[in-house]
N, C-alpha and C. Protein backbone atom coordinates (compact mmCIF):
# COMPACT_ATOMS: atom_id res chain seq x y z
N UNK A 1 80.60 130.48 90.81
CA UNK A 1 81.51 129.64 91.82
C UNK A 1 82.50 131.20 92.51
N UNK A 2 81.58 132.02 92.77
CA UNK A 2 81.98 133.63 93.34
C UNK A 2 82.77 133.06 94.39
N UNK A 3 83.74 133.38 94.51
CA UNK A 3 84.48 133.22 96.02
C UNK A 3 84.92 131.65 95.99
N UNK A 4 85.10 131.30 94.99
CA UNK A 4 85.75 129.68 94.77
C UNK A 4 87.36 129.84 95.22
N UNK A 5 87.83 129.31 95.73
CA UNK A 5 89.44 129.13 95.83
C UNK A 5 89.97 128.06 95.00
N UNK A 6 90.61 127.34 94.25
CA UNK A 6 90.81 126.17 93.24
C UNK A 6 91.93 125.58 94.34
N UNK A 7 91.88 124.48 93.97
CA UNK A 7 92.96 124.08 94.88
C UNK A 7 93.56 122.39 93.90
N UNK A 8 92.92 122.18 92.84
CA UNK A 8 93.93 121.32 91.86
C UNK A 8 93.49 121.83 90.92
N UNK A 9 94.46 121.43 90.15
CA UNK A 9 94.30 121.41 88.16
C UNK A 9 94.69 120.95 87.80
N UNK A 10 94.33 120.35 86.59
CA UNK A 10 95.17 119.34 85.67
C UNK A 10 94.95 119.03 83.99
N UNK A 11 95.43 118.92 83.31
CA UNK A 11 95.56 119.14 81.88
C UNK A 11 95.59 117.60 81.44
N UNK A 12 95.42 117.36 80.02
CA UNK A 12 95.94 116.01 79.35
C UNK A 12 97.03 115.86 78.64
N UNK A 13 97.61 117.24 78.15
CA UNK A 13 99.24 117.72 78.18
C UNK A 13 100.39 117.69 79.35
N UNK A 14 101.39 117.28 78.34
CA UNK A 14 102.53 116.95 79.18
C UNK A 14 102.64 118.26 80.28
N UNK A 15 102.54 119.71 79.99
CA UNK A 15 102.66 120.46 80.87
C UNK A 15 101.41 121.69 80.20
N UNK A 16 101.34 122.39 81.35
CA UNK A 16 100.37 123.55 81.33
C UNK A 16 101.22 124.55 80.77
N UNK A 17 102.87 124.73 80.41
CA UNK A 17 103.85 125.78 80.28
C UNK A 17 103.93 125.00 78.71
N UNK A 18 104.61 126.85 78.19
CA UNK A 18 104.95 126.24 76.93
C UNK A 18 105.64 125.25 76.54
N UNK A 19 106.05 124.73 75.44
CA UNK A 19 107.06 123.25 75.09
C UNK A 19 108.35 124.52 75.57
N UNK A 20 109.36 123.35 75.89
CA UNK A 20 110.95 123.97 76.92
C UNK A 20 111.55 124.18 75.48
N UNK A 21 111.35 123.45 74.42
CA UNK A 21 112.21 124.84 73.34
C UNK A 21 112.01 125.74 73.11
N UNK A 22 110.54 126.19 72.80
CA UNK A 22 110.23 127.44 72.64
C UNK A 22 110.53 128.44 73.65
N UNK A 23 110.68 128.36 75.07
CA UNK A 23 111.18 128.76 76.69
C UNK A 23 112.79 129.18 76.47
N UNK A 24 113.18 127.80 75.52
CA UNK A 24 114.56 128.16 75.73
C UNK A 24 115.06 129.51 74.63
N UNK A 25 114.18 129.00 73.77
CA UNK A 25 114.42 129.98 72.50
C UNK A 25 114.19 131.91 73.01
N UNK A 26 113.18 131.68 73.75
CA UNK A 26 112.73 133.52 74.47
C UNK A 26 113.58 133.11 75.13
N UNK A 27 114.08 132.44 76.10
CA UNK A 27 114.97 132.76 76.94
C UNK A 27 116.77 133.66 76.57
N UNK A 28 116.71 132.68 75.72
CA UNK A 28 118.15 133.36 74.91
C UNK A 28 118.00 134.50 74.16
N UNK A 29 116.83 134.95 73.85
CA UNK A 29 116.82 136.33 73.46
C UNK A 29 116.49 137.59 74.05
N UNK A 30 115.68 136.93 75.54
CA UNK A 30 115.74 138.08 76.06
C UNK A 30 116.72 137.82 77.36
N UNK A 31 116.56 136.80 77.85
CA UNK A 31 117.95 136.72 79.04
C UNK A 31 116.90 136.80 80.53
N UNK A 32 115.07 136.81 80.10
CA UNK A 32 114.26 136.40 81.31
C UNK A 32 114.19 135.19 81.86
N UNK A 33 114.72 134.89 82.74
CA UNK A 33 114.75 133.90 83.29
C UNK A 33 113.34 133.29 83.99
N UNK A 34 112.20 134.33 84.26
CA UNK A 34 111.16 134.80 84.86
C UNK A 34 110.32 133.60 83.90
N UNK A 35 110.77 133.38 82.61
CA UNK A 35 110.20 132.63 81.71
C UNK A 35 110.24 130.77 81.37
N UNK A 36 110.82 130.63 82.82
CA UNK A 36 111.11 129.19 82.84
C UNK A 36 110.27 128.47 83.89
N UNK A 37 109.18 127.45 83.47
CA UNK A 37 108.52 127.25 84.15
C UNK A 37 107.90 127.96 84.78
N UNK A 38 107.29 128.86 83.92
CA UNK A 38 106.11 130.19 84.22
C UNK A 38 105.06 129.14 84.98
N UNK A 39 104.30 128.55 84.37
CA UNK A 39 102.78 127.71 84.94
C UNK A 39 103.12 127.76 86.34
N UNK A 40 103.65 126.74 86.72
CA UNK A 40 104.14 126.32 87.97
C UNK A 40 104.53 127.35 89.05
N UNK A 41 104.43 128.71 88.89
CA UNK A 41 105.27 129.49 89.78
C UNK A 41 103.65 130.25 90.07
N UNK A 42 102.39 129.67 89.91
CA UNK A 42 101.21 130.39 90.87
C UNK A 42 101.00 129.73 91.79
N UNK A 43 101.77 128.49 92.20
CA UNK A 43 101.17 127.78 93.45
C UNK A 43 102.60 128.77 94.51
N UNK A 44 102.78 129.67 94.29
CA UNK A 44 103.89 130.80 94.92
C UNK A 44 102.32 131.46 96.03
N UNK A 45 102.00 131.86 94.91
CA UNK A 45 100.37 133.23 95.67
C UNK A 45 99.34 131.69 96.47
N UNK A 46 98.60 130.61 95.46
CA UNK A 46 98.18 130.03 96.69
C UNK A 46 98.41 128.52 96.02
N UNK A 47 98.53 127.65 97.54
CA UNK A 47 98.86 126.45 97.27
C UNK A 47 97.52 125.30 96.41
N UNK A 48 98.60 124.62 95.69
CA UNK A 48 97.69 124.06 94.80
C UNK A 48 98.35 122.89 94.43
N UNK A 49 97.68 121.98 93.95
CA UNK A 49 98.32 120.52 93.21
C UNK A 49 97.88 120.62 92.10
N UNK A 50 98.55 119.79 91.20
CA UNK A 50 98.64 120.12 89.11
C UNK A 50 98.92 118.54 89.18
N UNK A 51 97.89 118.43 87.93
CA UNK A 51 98.12 117.02 87.56
C UNK A 51 98.52 116.99 86.06
N UNK A 52 99.17 116.53 85.10
CA UNK A 52 99.18 116.22 84.28
C UNK A 52 99.06 115.22 83.57
N UNK A 53 99.33 115.02 82.33
CA UNK A 53 98.75 113.92 81.40
C UNK A 53 97.65 113.01 81.71
N UNK A 54 96.62 113.69 82.09
CA UNK A 54 95.55 112.88 82.31
C UNK A 54 94.69 112.39 80.90
N UNK A 55 93.83 111.72 81.63
CA UNK A 55 93.03 110.92 80.25
C UNK A 55 91.60 110.74 79.95
N UNK A 56 90.94 110.78 78.86
CA UNK A 56 89.94 110.50 79.15
C UNK A 56 88.97 111.93 79.91
N UNK A 57 89.43 112.93 79.46
CA UNK A 57 88.86 114.13 80.47
C UNK A 57 87.47 114.48 79.57
N UNK A 58 87.35 114.09 78.14
CA UNK A 58 86.25 114.38 77.31
C UNK A 58 84.97 113.38 77.96
N UNK A 59 85.36 112.73 78.39
CA UNK A 59 84.42 111.76 79.30
C UNK A 59 83.45 112.45 80.02
N UNK A 60 84.18 113.45 80.89
CA UNK A 60 83.65 113.55 81.98
C UNK A 60 82.35 115.33 82.00
N UNK A 61 81.48 115.30 82.82
CA UNK A 61 80.38 116.36 82.75
C UNK A 61 81.31 117.11 83.51
N UNK A 62 80.37 118.77 82.64
CA UNK A 62 80.97 119.93 82.96
C UNK A 62 81.17 120.38 84.34
N UNK A 63 79.97 119.78 84.71
CA UNK A 63 80.45 119.78 86.49
C UNK A 63 79.58 118.47 86.80
N UNK A 64 79.23 118.47 88.25
CA UNK A 64 78.55 117.71 89.16
C UNK A 64 79.43 116.23 89.30
N UNK A 65 80.66 116.53 89.74
CA UNK A 65 81.60 115.25 90.17
C UNK A 65 82.63 115.67 90.60
N UNK A 66 83.51 114.39 91.53
CA UNK A 66 84.31 114.82 92.20
C UNK A 66 85.48 114.21 91.57
N UNK A 67 86.86 114.79 91.92
CA UNK A 67 88.22 113.91 91.82
C UNK A 67 88.72 113.46 93.16
N UNK A 68 89.15 112.38 93.05
CA UNK A 68 89.72 111.70 94.21
C UNK A 68 91.21 111.31 93.22
N UNK A 69 92.18 111.61 93.94
CA UNK A 69 93.95 111.06 93.83
C UNK A 69 94.24 110.20 94.67
N UNK A 70 94.38 109.61 94.24
CA UNK A 70 95.78 108.09 95.06
C UNK A 70 97.35 108.37 94.64
N UNK A 71 97.44 108.95 95.20
CA UNK A 71 98.92 109.28 94.63
C UNK A 71 100.17 108.59 94.88
N UNK A 72 100.93 107.89 94.71
CA UNK A 72 102.53 107.13 94.69
C UNK A 72 103.49 107.78 95.48
N UNK A 73 103.90 107.89 96.37
CA UNK A 73 105.32 108.56 96.59
C UNK A 73 106.51 108.10 96.52
N UNK A 74 107.18 109.04 95.76
CA UNK A 74 108.84 108.53 95.37
C UNK A 74 110.32 108.78 96.07
N UNK A 75 110.23 107.97 96.71
CA UNK A 75 111.08 108.43 97.93
C UNK A 75 112.57 109.23 96.58
N UNK A 76 112.64 110.29 97.85
CA UNK A 76 113.72 111.34 97.51
C UNK A 76 113.30 112.21 96.10
N UNK A 77 112.18 112.56 95.68
CA UNK A 77 111.71 113.03 94.48
C UNK A 77 110.46 114.11 94.92
N UNK A 78 110.63 115.06 94.44
CA UNK A 78 109.13 116.36 94.41
C UNK A 78 108.21 115.74 93.72
N UNK A 79 108.42 114.70 92.94
CA UNK A 79 107.57 114.63 92.20
C UNK A 79 106.44 113.09 92.27
N UNK A 80 105.55 112.91 91.78
CA UNK A 80 105.33 111.47 91.29
C UNK A 80 104.10 111.38 90.74
N UNK A 81 103.77 109.79 90.70
CA UNK A 81 102.76 109.99 89.82
C UNK A 81 101.25 109.32 90.65
N UNK A 82 100.08 109.73 90.29
CA UNK A 82 98.74 109.47 91.10
C UNK A 82 98.05 108.91 89.54
N UNK A 83 96.70 108.11 90.87
CA UNK A 83 95.78 107.43 89.64
C UNK A 83 94.70 108.56 90.43
N UNK A 84 94.25 109.13 89.18
CA UNK A 84 93.06 110.56 89.66
C UNK A 84 92.09 109.55 88.86
N UNK A 85 90.55 109.65 89.76
CA UNK A 85 89.38 108.85 89.54
C UNK A 85 88.18 109.74 89.53
N UNK A 86 87.44 109.82 88.32
CA UNK A 86 86.04 111.10 88.81
C UNK A 86 84.60 110.44 89.73
N UNK A 87 84.16 111.14 90.33
CA UNK A 87 83.22 109.99 90.68
C UNK A 87 81.62 111.11 90.81
N UNK A 88 81.65 110.52 89.84
CA UNK A 88 80.36 111.01 89.48
C UNK A 88 79.08 110.89 90.10
N UNK A 89 78.30 111.74 89.95
CA UNK A 89 76.56 112.24 90.55
C UNK A 89 76.06 111.20 89.82
N UNK A 90 75.25 110.56 90.06
CA UNK A 90 74.29 110.18 89.32
C UNK A 90 73.07 109.89 89.46
């Protein structure tokens, strides 16, 4: 995958950042506001889409599939939910 640019990331967790209670504690100790929502800042350099709370990832093969997403537009919101579907090569 040399030279590959990733445009979609996903996790089965609520977020790919540290738990917010931990982040708040670290912020109070250091005063470093860059710690808040640190993972989401990756999109500043390379635009990408990020999916959270995905299910059944363990059922997917390590490669050989496509992902198609069917998002729901939420009026006035910066985020929403999507139906993510894996399309397997059979």
